[in-house]
Amino acid sequence: MQGGCDKGFCLSYYKLSYRRKLIRTLWTFLLGSIAVVALLYLRPVLWNWPLYVALAIVGLVLIFIGQAAYNYTKWQAEVRGESKV
């Protein structure tokens, strides 16, 4: 995505540059992690969580890591001037 929005406010995720997408992904991951830790802290008995909740949390973490890695590699390719379409 050459020429995405790299300065100023942009509400649409898809109009951002890969650098800004990476930053937005990391912020979202940070805030989501804080929310999950707060929920775990507020829950009195942690071992009563169903297995699908734990799998969903692990799945979301893997998706965030994959998205961050993808945006980082695309951003670095954009910086180097490579075009892999």
Protein backbone atom coordinates (compact mmCIF):
# COMPACT_ATOMS: atom_id res chain seq x y z
CA MET A 1 0.00 0.00 0.00
CA GLN A 2 2.05 2.88 -1.25
CA GLY A 3 1.06 6.32 -0.06
CA GLY A 4 -1.14 5.42 2.90
CA CYS A 5 -1.94 8.06 5.49
CA ASP A 6 1.20 8.47 7.60
CA LYS A 7 0.43 11.79 9.29
CA GLY A 8 -2.55 13.25 11.02
CA PHE A 9 -5.80 11.61 12.05
CA CYS A 10 -7.24 8.77 9.99
CA LEU A 11 -10.22 6.81 11.25
CA SER A 12 -10.07 4.06 8.64
CA TYR A 13 -7.55 1.28 9.34
CA TYR A 14 -7.32 0.40 5.65
CA LYS A 15 -6.19 3.89 4.61
CA LEU A 16 -3.19 3.85 6.98
CA SER A 17 0.39 3.19 5.94
CA TYR A 18 1.95 -0.07 7.12
CA ARG A 19 3.98 1.80 9.72
CA ARG A 20 0.82 3.31 11.21
CA LYS A 21 -0.96 -0.06 10.98
CA LEU A 22 1.86 -1.60 13.01
CA ILE A 23 1.64 1.13 15.64
CA ARG A 24 -2.15 0.77 15.83
CA THR A 25 -1.85 -3.02 16.16
CA LEU A 26 0.65 -2.71 19.01
CA TRP A 27 -1.53 -0.19 20.86
CA THR A 28 -4.58 -2.39 20.43
CA PHE A 29 -2.64 -5.42 21.68
CA LEU A 30 -1.45 -3.46 24.72
CA LEU A 31 -4.93 -2.24 25.63
CA GLY A 32 -6.45 -5.67 25.01
CA SER A 33 -3.82 -7.31 27.20
CA ILE A 34 -4.55 -4.88 30.01
CA ALA A 35 -8.27 -5.65 29.71
CA VAL A 36 -7.66 -9.42 29.83
CA VAL A 37 -5.37 -9.09 32.85
CA ALA A 38 -7.99 -6.92 34.58
CA LEU A 39 -10.68 -9.52 33.89
CA LEU A 40 -8.45 -12.29 35.21
CA TYR A 41 -7.67 -10.24 38.30
CA LEU A 42 -11.34 -9.51 39.00
CA ARG A 43 -12.43 -13.13 38.58
CA PRO A 44 -12.33 -14.80 42.03
CA VAL A 45 -11.70 -18.38 40.83
CA LEU A 46 -9.48 -18.54 37.76
CA TRP A 47 -9.67 -22.30 37.27
CA ASN A 48 -13.38 -22.30 36.43
CA TRP A 49 -12.82 -20.70 33.04
CA PRO A 50 -14.08 -22.88 30.21
CA LEU A 51 -11.50 -24.23 27.80
CA TYR A 52 -12.93 -22.29 24.85
CA VAL A 53 -12.26 -18.97 26.64
CA ALA A 54 -8.60 -19.87 27.10
CA LEU A 55 -8.37 -21.04 23.48
CA ALA A 56 -9.98 -17.80 22.29
CA ILE A 57 -7.45 -15.73 24.24
CA VAL A 58 -4.54 -17.75 22.84
CA GLY A 59 -6.01 -17.48 19.33
CA LEU A 60 -6.36 -13.70 19.59
CA VAL A 61 -2.77 -13.37 20.81
CA LEU A 62 -1.55 -15.42 17.84
CA ILE A 63 -3.61 -13.30 15.44
CA PHE A 64 -2.15 -10.09 16.90
CA ILE A 65 1.39 -11.44 16.63
CA GLY A 66 0.79 -12.51 13.03
CA GLN A 67 -0.75 -9.16 12.12
CA ALA A 68 2.14 -7.25 13.70
CA ALA A 69 4.70 -9.42 11.89
CA TYR A 70 2.91 -8.95 8.56
CA ASN A 71 2.66 -5.17 8.95
CA TYR A 72 6.33 -4.96 10.00
CA THR A 73 7.56 -6.92 6.99
CA LYS A 74 5.38 -4.90 4.59
CA TRP A 75 6.58 -1.64 6.18
CA GLN A 76 10.24 -2.69 5.84
CA ALA A 77 9.68 -3.73 2.22
CA GLU A 78 8.08 -0.35 1.58
CA VAL A 79 11.05 1.44 3.17
CA ARG A 80 13.52 -0.55 1.04
CA GLY A 81 11.48 0.20 -2.06
CA GLU A 82 10.57 -3.41 -2.79
CA SER A 83 7.24 -4.14 -4.36
CA LYS A 84 5.83 -7.61 -3.66
CA VAL A 85 2.34 -7.55 -5.09
